Amino acid sequence: MSNVLAELKDRASLLPEAERAELALSLIESHDGPADADVDESWRLEIERRVGEIARGEISLIPGDEVFTRLRRRLG
């Protein structure tokens, strides 16, 4: 690891959590490019669709502990 990278990592670790998250996002975007502009709208629509299904009783919710129990059985 270069000295510059080591110093950056050390200095970044001293930032408050929100600023570290902002830095991480900036680094990811510099590598992958900015997020698709339609992503936020797509997620909003998907959330509305799922909430609507729950409100209309079209689906039933499964408690988290039951989900994990089922997963452990499948993986065990």
PDB file of N, CA and C in Angstrom:
ATOM      1  N   MET A   1       0.858  -1.174   0.000  1.00  0.00           N
ATOM      2  CA  MET A   1       0.000   0.000   0.000  1.00  0.00           C
ATOM      3  C   MET A   1       0.900   1.232   0.000  1.00  0.00           C
ATOM      4  N   SER A   2       0.546   2.194  -0.836  1.00  0.00           N
ATOM      5  CA  SER A   2       1.348   3.412  -0.907  1.00  0.00           C
ATOM      6  C   SER A   2       1.156   4.243   0.361  1.00  0.00           C
ATOM      7  N   ASN A   3       2.121   5.113   0.597  1.00  0.00           N
ATOM      8  CA  ASN A   3       2.032   5.997   1.768  1.00  0.00           C
ATOM      9  C   ASN A   3       0.832   6.924   1.667  1.00  0.00           C
ATOM     10  N   VAL A   4       0.533   7.385   0.449  1.00  0.00           N
ATOM     11  CA  VAL A   4      -0.609   8.283   0.253  1.00  0.00           C
ATOM     12  C   VAL A   4      -1.907   7.558   0.605  1.00  0.00           C
ATOM     13  N   LEU A   5      -2.043   6.318   0.124  1.00  0.00           N
ATOM     14  CA  LEU A   5      -3.260   5.553   0.424  1.00  0.00           C
ATOM     15  C   LEU A   5      -3.380   5.291   1.920  1.00  0.00           C
ATOM     16  N   ALA A   6      -2.306   4.915   2.553  1.00  0.00           N
ATOM     17  CA  ALA A   6      -2.329   4.656   3.994  1.00  0.00           C
ATOM     18  C   ALA A   6      -2.739   5.912   4.750  1.00  0.00           C
ATOM     19  N   GLU A   7      -2.195   7.063   4.346  1.00  0.00           N
ATOM     20  CA  GLU A   7      -2.539   8.318   5.018  1.00  0.00           C
ATOM     21  C   GLU A   7      -4.011   8.671   4.791  1.00  0.00           C
ATOM     22  N   LEU A   8      -4.498   8.484   3.564  1.00  0.00           N
ATOM     23  CA  LEU A   8      -5.906   8.763   3.282  1.00  0.00           C
ATOM     24  C   LEU A   8      -6.825   7.885   4.124  1.00  0.00           C
ATOM     25  N   LYS A   9      -6.497   6.607   4.220  1.00  0.00           N
ATOM     26  CA  LYS A   9      -7.317   5.701   5.027  1.00  0.00           C
ATOM     27  C   LYS A   9      -7.314   6.118   6.488  1.00  0.00           C
ATOM     28  N   ASP A  10      -6.152   6.481   6.997  1.00  0.00           N
ATOM     29  CA  ASP A  10      -6.067   6.919   8.390  1.00  0.00           C
ATOM     30  C   ASP A  10      -6.901   8.179   8.622  1.00  0.00           C
ATOM     31  N   ARG A  11      -6.776   9.140   7.721  1.00  0.00           N
ATOM     32  CA  ARG A  11      -7.506  10.398   7.882  1.00  0.00           C
ATOM     33  C   ARG A  11      -9.011  10.176   7.707  1.00  0.00           C
ATOM     34  N   ALA A  12      -9.391   9.324   6.763  1.00  0.00           N
ATOM     35  CA  ALA A  12     -10.813   9.053   6.543  1.00  0.00           C
ATOM     36  C   ALA A  12     -11.440   8.394   7.763  1.00  0.00           C
ATOM     37  N   SER A  13     -10.688   7.559   8.450  1.00  0.00           N
ATOM     38  CA  SER A  13     -11.233   6.868   9.630  1.00  0.00           C
ATOM     39  C   SER A  13     -11.563   7.837  10.763  1.00  0.00           C
ATOM     40  N   LEU A  14     -11.014   9.047  10.711  1.00  0.00           N
ATOM     41  CA  LEU A  14     -11.276  10.045  11.743  1.00  0.00           C
ATOM     42  C   LEU A  14     -12.522  10.884  11.449  1.00  0.00           C
ATOM     43  N   LEU A  15     -13.052  10.770  10.240  1.00  0.00           N
ATOM     44  CA  LEU A  15     -14.239  11.550   9.874  1.00  0.00           C
ATOM     45  C   LEU A  15     -15.472  11.033  10.609  1.00  0.00           C
ATOM     46  N   PRO A  16     -16.450  11.919  10.820  1.00  0.00           N
ATOM     47  CA  PRO A  16     -17.726  11.457  11.376  1.00  0.00           C
ATOM     48  C   PRO A  16     -18.380  10.476  10.401  1.00  0.00           C
ATOM     49  N   GLU A  17     -19.266   9.636  10.906  1.00  0.00           N
ATOM     50  CA  GLU A  17     -19.884   8.577  10.110  1.00  0.00           C
ATOM     51  C   GLU A  17     -20.531   9.103   8.828  1.00  0.00           C
ATOM     52  N   ALA A  18     -21.266  10.196   8.927  1.00  0.00           N
ATOM     53  CA  ALA A  18     -21.949  10.738   7.747  1.00  0.00           C
ATOM     54  C   ALA A  18     -20.954  11.173   6.679  1.00  0.00           C
ATOM     55  N   GLU A  19     -19.849  11.761   7.085  1.00  0.00           N
ATOM     56  CA  GLU A  19     -18.845  12.199   6.120  1.00  0.00           C
ATOM     57  C   GLU A  19     -18.098  11.012   5.517  1.00  0.00           C
ATOM     58  N   ARG A  20     -17.893   9.952   6.301  1.00  0.00           N
ATOM     59  CA  ARG A  20     -17.275   8.737   5.746  1.00  0.00           C
ATOM     60  C   ARG A  20     -18.188   8.116   4.696  1.00  0.00           C
ATOM     61  N   ALA A  21     -19.501   8.119   4.975  1.00  0.00           N
ATOM     62  CA  ALA A  21     -20.460   7.583   4.009  1.00  0.00           C
ATOM     63  C   ALA A  21     -20.454   8.415   2.736  1.00  0.00           C
ATOM     64  N   GLU A  22     -20.403   9.729   2.873  1.00  0.00           N
ATOM     65  CA  GLU A  22     -20.361  10.610   1.702  1.00  0.00           C
ATOM     66  C   GLU A  22     -19.090  10.363   0.893  1.00  0.00           C
ATOM     67  N   LEU A  23     -17.966  10.188   1.582  1.00  0.00           N
ATOM     68  CA  LEU A  23     -16.700   9.896   0.915  1.00  0.00           C
ATOM     69  C   LEU A  23     -16.775   8.558   0.195  1.00  0.00           C
ATOM     70  N   ALA A  24     -17.341   7.556   0.849  1.00  0.00           N
ATOM     71  CA  ALA A  24     -17.456   6.226   0.241  1.00  0.00           C
ATOM     72  C   ALA A  24     -18.293   6.296  -1.027  1.00  0.00           C
ATOM     73  N   LEU A  25     -19.411   7.006  -0.982  1.00  0.00           N
ATOM     74  CA  LEU A  25     -20.267   7.146  -2.157  1.00  0.00           C
ATOM     75  C   LEU A  25     -19.516   7.856  -3.273  1.00  0.00           C
ATOM     76  N   SER A  26     -18.786   8.896  -2.925  1.00  0.00           N
ATOM     77  CA  SER A  26     -18.011   9.635  -3.922  1.00  0.00           C
ATOM     78  C   SER A  26     -16.972   8.731  -4.582  1.00  0.00           C
ATOM     79  N   LEU A  27     -16.309   7.894  -3.791  1.00  0.00           N
ATOM     80  CA  LEU A  27     -15.309   6.983  -4.344  1.00  0.00           C
ATOM     81  C   LEU A  27     -15.953   5.934  -5.245  1.00  0.00           C
ATOM     82  N   ILE A  28     -17.089   5.403  -4.826  1.00  0.00           N
ATOM     83  CA  ILE A  28     -17.789   4.410  -5.652  1.00  0.00           C
ATOM     84  C   ILE A  28     -18.235   5.038  -6.966  1.00  0.00           C
ATOM     85  N   GLU A  29     -18.801   6.243  -6.891  1.00  0.00           N
ATOM     86  CA  GLU A  29     -19.235   6.914  -8.118  1.00  0.00           C
ATOM     87  C   GLU A  29     -18.069   7.235  -9.034  1.00  0.00           C
ATOM     88  N   SER A  30     -16.898   7.553  -8.453  1.00  0.00           N
ATOM     89  CA  SER A  30     -15.735   7.842  -9.293  1.00  0.00           C
ATOM     90  C   SER A  30     -15.251   6.584  -9.998  1.00  0.00           C
ATOM     91  N   HIS A  31     -15.593   5.439  -9.441  1.00  0.00           N
ATOM     92  CA  HIS A  31     -15.201   4.156 -10.036  1.00  0.00           C
ATOM     93  C   HIS A  31     -16.273   3.640 -10.987  1.00  0.00           C
ATOM     94  N   ASP A  32     -17.530   3.657 -10.550  1.00  0.00           N
ATOM     95  CA  ASP A  32     -18.637   3.066 -11.305  1.00  0.00           C
ATOM     96  C   ASP A  32     -19.463   4.071 -12.092  1.00  0.00           C
ATOM     97  N   GLY A  33     -19.295   5.338 -11.816  1.00  0.00           N
ATOM     98  CA  GLY A  33     -20.148   6.358 -12.412  1.00  0.00           C
ATOM     99  C   GLY A  33     -21.323   6.632 -11.498  1.00  0.00           C
ATOM    100  N   PRO A  34     -22.026   7.729 -11.727  1.00  0.00           N
ATOM    101  CA  PRO A  34     -23.166   8.075 -10.861  1.00  0.00           C
ATOM    102  C   PRO A  34     -24.306   7.069 -11.027  1.00  0.00           C
ATOM    103  N   ALA A  35     -25.126   6.972 -10.005  1.00  0.00           N
ATOM    104  CA  ALA A  35     -26.286   6.075 -10.044  1.00  0.00           C
ATOM    105  C   ALA A  35     -27.236   6.521 -11.145  1.00  0.00           C
ATOM    106  N   ASP A  36     -27.942   5.579 -11.703  1.00  0.00           N
ATOM    107  CA  ASP A  36     -28.941   5.851 -12.734  1.00  0.00           C
ATOM    108  C   ASP A  36     -29.989   6.805 -12.159  1.00  0.00           C
ATOM    109  N   ALA A  37     -30.292   7.845 -12.878  1.00  0.00           N
ATOM    110  CA  ALA A  37     -31.233   8.864 -12.398  1.00  0.00           C
ATOM    111  C   ALA A  37     -32.621   8.292 -12.120  1.00  0.00           C
ATOM    112  N   ASP A  38     -32.980   7.192 -12.781  1.00  0.00           N
ATOM    113  CA  ASP A  38     -34.305   6.612 -12.610  1.00  0.00           C
ATOM    114  C   ASP A  38     -34.393   5.662 -11.412  1.00  0.00           C
ATOM    115  N   VAL A  39     -33.281   5.384 -10.765  1.00  0.00           N
ATOM    116  CA  VAL A  39     -33.273   4.398  -9.690  1.00  0.00           C
ATOM    117  C   VAL A  39     -34.160   4.827  -8.525  1.00  0.00           C
ATOM    118  N   ASP A  40     -34.023   6.055  -8.069  1.00  0.00           N
ATOM    119  CA  ASP A  40     -34.837   6.510  -6.934  1.00  0.00           C
ATOM    120  C   ASP A  40     -36.326   6.416  -7.249  1.00  0.00           C
ATOM    121  N   GLU A  41     -36.704   6.835  -8.445  1.00  0.00           N
ATOM    122  CA  GLU A  41     -38.116   6.772  -8.834  1.00  0.00           C
ATOM    123  C   GLU A  41     -38.575   5.326  -8.936  1.00  0.00           C
ATOM    124  N   SER A  42     -37.740   4.455  -9.460  1.00  0.00           N
ATOM    125  CA  SER A  42     -38.092   3.038  -9.571  1.00  0.00           C
ATOM    126  C   SER A  42     -38.298   2.424  -8.196  1.00  0.00           C
ATOM    127  N   TRP A  43     -37.417   2.745  -7.248  1.00  0.00           N
ATOM    128  CA  TRP A  43     -37.574   2.220  -5.889  1.00  0.00           C
ATOM    129  C   TRP A  43     -38.842   2.769  -5.245  1.00  0.00           C
ATOM    130  N   ARG A  44     -39.137   4.045  -5.456  1.00  0.00           N
ATOM    131  CA  ARG A  44     -40.351   4.638  -4.881  1.00  0.00           C
ATOM    132  C   ARG A  44     -41.583   3.902  -5.397  1.00  0.00           C
ATOM    133  N   LEU A  45     -41.620   3.645  -6.690  1.00  0.00           N
ATOM    134  CA  LEU A  45     -42.769   2.939  -7.271  1.00  0.00           C
ATOM    135  C   LEU A  45     -42.872   1.506  -6.742  1.00  0.00           C
ATOM    136  N   GLU A  46     -41.743   0.843  -6.603  1.00  0.00           N
ATOM    137  CA  GLU A  46     -41.752  -0.534  -6.089  1.00  0.00           C
ATOM    138  C   GLU A  46     -42.237  -0.572  -4.644  1.00  0.00           C
ATOM    139  N   ILE A  47     -41.789   0.385  -3.848  1.00  0.00           N
ATOM    140  CA  ILE A  47     -42.238   0.452  -2.448  1.00  0.00           C
ATOM    141  C   ILE A  47     -43.738   0.695  -2.388  1.00  0.00           C
ATOM    142  N   GLU A  48     -44.232   1.622  -3.209  1.00  0.00           N
ATOM    143  CA  GLU A  48     -45.671   1.883  -3.234  1.00  0.00           C
ATOM    144  C   GLU A  48     -46.449   0.635  -3.646  1.00  0.00           C
ATOM    145  N   ARG A  49     -45.945  -0.095  -4.622  1.00  0.00           N
ATOM    146  CA  ARG A  49     -46.614  -1.311  -5.077  1.00  0.00           C
ATOM    147  C   ARG A  49     -46.691  -2.333  -3.949  1.00  0.00           C
ATOM    148  N   ARG A  50     -45.580  -2.524  -3.251  1.00  0.00           N
ATOM    149  CA  ARG A  50     -45.552  -3.520  -2.173  1.00  0.00           C
ATOM    150  C   ARG A  50     -46.438  -3.110  -1.006  1.00  0.00           C
ATOM    151  N   VAL A  51     -46.403  -1.842  -0.633  1.00  0.00           N
ATOM    152  CA  VAL A  51     -47.263  -1.354   0.452  1.00  0.00           C
ATOM    153  C   VAL A  51     -48.723  -1.536   0.072  1.00  0.00           C
ATOM    154  N   GLY A  52     -49.050  -1.269  -1.183  1.00  0.00           N
ATOM    155  CA  GLY A  52     -50.415  -1.460  -1.656  1.00  0.00           C
ATOM    156  C   GLY A  52     -50.859  -2.908  -1.550  1.00  0.00           C
ATOM    157  N   GLU A  53     -49.976  -3.851  -1.921  1.00  0.00           N
ATOM    158  CA  GLU A  53     -50.303  -5.273  -1.805  1.00  0.00           C
ATOM    159  C   GLU A  53     -50.591  -5.653  -0.358  1.00  0.00           C
ATOM    160  N   ILE A  54     -49.811  -5.119   0.557  1.00  0.00           N
ATOM    161  CA  ILE A  54     -50.016  -5.409   1.981  1.00  0.00           C
ATOM    162  C   ILE A  54     -51.350  -4.814   2.436  1.00  0.00           C
ATOM    163  N   ALA A  55     -51.586  -3.547   2.074  1.00  0.00           N
ATOM    164  CA  ALA A  55     -52.809  -2.860   2.506  1.00  0.00           C
ATOM    165  C   ALA A  55     -54.065  -3.544   1.967  1.00  0.00           C
ATOM    166  N   ARG A  56     -53.993  -4.078   0.753  1.00  0.00           N
ATOM    167  CA  ARG A  56     -55.148  -4.752   0.157  1.00  0.00           C
ATOM    168  C   ARG A  56     -55.282  -6.199   0.608  1.00  0.00           C
ATOM    169  N   GLY A  57     -54.347  -6.675   1.420  1.00  0.00           N
ATOM    170  CA  GLY A  57     -54.402  -8.046   1.917  1.00  0.00           C
ATOM    171  C   GLY A  57     -54.042  -9.081   0.864  1.00  0.00           C
ATOM    172  N   GLU A  58     -53.360  -8.666  -0.189  1.00  0.00           N
ATOM    173  CA  GLU A  58     -52.988  -9.585  -1.265  1.00  0.00           C
ATOM    174  C   GLU A  58     -51.824 -10.488  -0.886  1.00  0.00           C
ATOM    175  N   ILE A  59     -51.067 -10.054   0.078  1.00  0.00           N
ATOM    176  CA  ILE A  59     -49.940 -10.871   0.560  1.00  0.00           C
ATOM    177  C   ILE A  59     -49.947 -10.850   2.075  1.00  0.00           C
ATOM    178  N   SER A  60     -49.330 -11.853   2.658  1.00  0.00           N
ATOM    179  CA  SER A  60     -49.220 -11.863   4.119  1.00  0.00           C
ATOM    180  C   SER A  60     -47.750 -11.737   4.487  1.00  0.00           C
ATOM    181  N   LEU A  61     -47.523 -11.037   5.568  1.00  0.00           N
ATOM    182  CA  LEU A  61     -46.166 -10.814   6.032  1.00  0.00           C
ATOM    183  C   LEU A  61     -45.712 -11.984   6.901  1.00  0.00           C
ATOM    184  N   ILE A  62     -44.430 -12.263   6.848  1.00  0.00           N
ATOM    185  CA  ILE A  62     -43.843 -13.330   7.662  1.00  0.00           C
ATOM    186  C   ILE A  62     -42.885 -12.669   8.641  1.00  0.00           C
ATOM    187  N   PRO A  63     -43.041 -12.939   9.947  1.00  0.00           N
ATOM    188  CA  PRO A  63     -42.126 -12.349  10.929  1.00  0.00           C
ATOM    189  C   PRO A  63     -40.670 -12.725  10.628  1.00  0.00           C
ATOM    190  N   GLY A  64     -39.779 -11.786  10.881  1.00  0.00           N
ATOM    191  CA  GLY A  64     -38.367 -11.987  10.581  1.00  0.00           C
ATOM    192  C   GLY A  64     -37.777 -13.229  11.212  1.00  0.00           C
ATOM    193  N   ASP A  65     -38.124 -13.508  12.479  1.00  0.00           N
ATOM    194  CA  ASP A  65     -37.552 -14.688  13.136  1.00  0.00           C
ATOM    195  C   ASP A  65     -37.984 -15.975  12.440  1.00  0.00           C
ATOM    196  N   GLU A  66     -39.197 -15.994  11.905  1.00  0.00           N
ATOM    197  CA  GLU A  66     -39.663 -17.167  11.169  1.00  0.00           C
ATOM    198  C   GLU A  66     -38.905 -17.316   9.838  1.00  0.00           C
ATOM    199  N   VAL A  67     -38.664 -16.201   9.181  1.00  0.00           N
ATOM    200  CA  VAL A  67     -37.897 -16.235   7.929  1.00  0.00           C
ATOM    201  C   VAL A  67     -36.516 -16.831   8.175  1.00  0.00           C
ATOM    202  N   PHE A  68     -35.844 -16.368   9.223  1.00  0.00           N
ATOM    203  CA  PHE A  68     -34.500 -16.862   9.510  1.00  0.00           C
ATOM    204  C   PHE A  68     -34.516 -18.334   9.925  1.00  0.00           C
ATOM    205  N   THR A  69     -35.553 -18.751  10.653  1.00  0.00           N
ATOM    206  CA  THR A  69     -35.680 -20.163  11.021  1.00  0.00           C
ATOM    207  C   THR A  69     -35.806 -21.025   9.769  1.00  0.00           C
ATOM    208  N   ARG A  70     -36.642 -20.585   8.834  1.00  0.00           N
ATOM    209  CA  ARG A  70     -36.802 -21.329   7.582  1.00  0.00           C
ATOM    210  C   ARG A  70     -35.488 -21.388   6.801  1.00  0.00           C
ATOM    211  N   LEU A  71     -34.788 -20.276   6.744  1.00  0.00           N
ATOM    212  CA  LEU A  71     -33.499 -20.250   6.033  1.00  0.00           C
ATOM    213  C   LEU A  71     -32.488 -21.193   6.665  1.00  0.00           C
ATOM    214  N   ARG A  72     -32.437 -21.181   8.000  1.00  0.00           N
ATOM    215  CA  ARG A  72     -31.488 -22.082   8.682  1.00  0.00           C
ATOM    216  C   ARG A  72     -31.797 -23.544   8.374  1.00  0.00           C
ATOM    217  N   ARG A  73     -33.084 -23.875   8.325  1.00  0.00           N
ATOM    218  CA  ARG A  73     -33.466 -25.250   7.981  1.00  0.00           C
ATOM    219  C   ARG A  73     -33.016 -25.605   6.571  1.00  0.00           C
ATOM    220  N   ARG A  74     -33.217 -24.707   5.633  1.00  0.00           N
ATOM    221  CA  ARG A  74     -32.812 -24.962   4.254  1.00  0.00           C
ATOM    222  C   ARG A  74     -31.297 -25.106   4.119  1.00  0.00           C
ATOM    223  N   LEU A  75     -30.572 -24.285   4.840  1.00  0.00           N
ATOM    224  CA  LEU A  75     -29.116 -24.277   4.715  1.00  0.00           C
ATOM    225  C   LEU A  75     -28.459 -25.346   5.577  1.00  0.00           C
ATOM    226  N   GLY A  76     -29.189 -25.821   6.589  1.00  0.00           N
ATOM    227  CA  GLY A  76     -28.630 -26.765   7.554  1.00  0.00           C
ATOM    228  C   GLY A  76     -28.584 -28.136   7.030  1.00  0.00           C
TER     229      GLY A  76
END
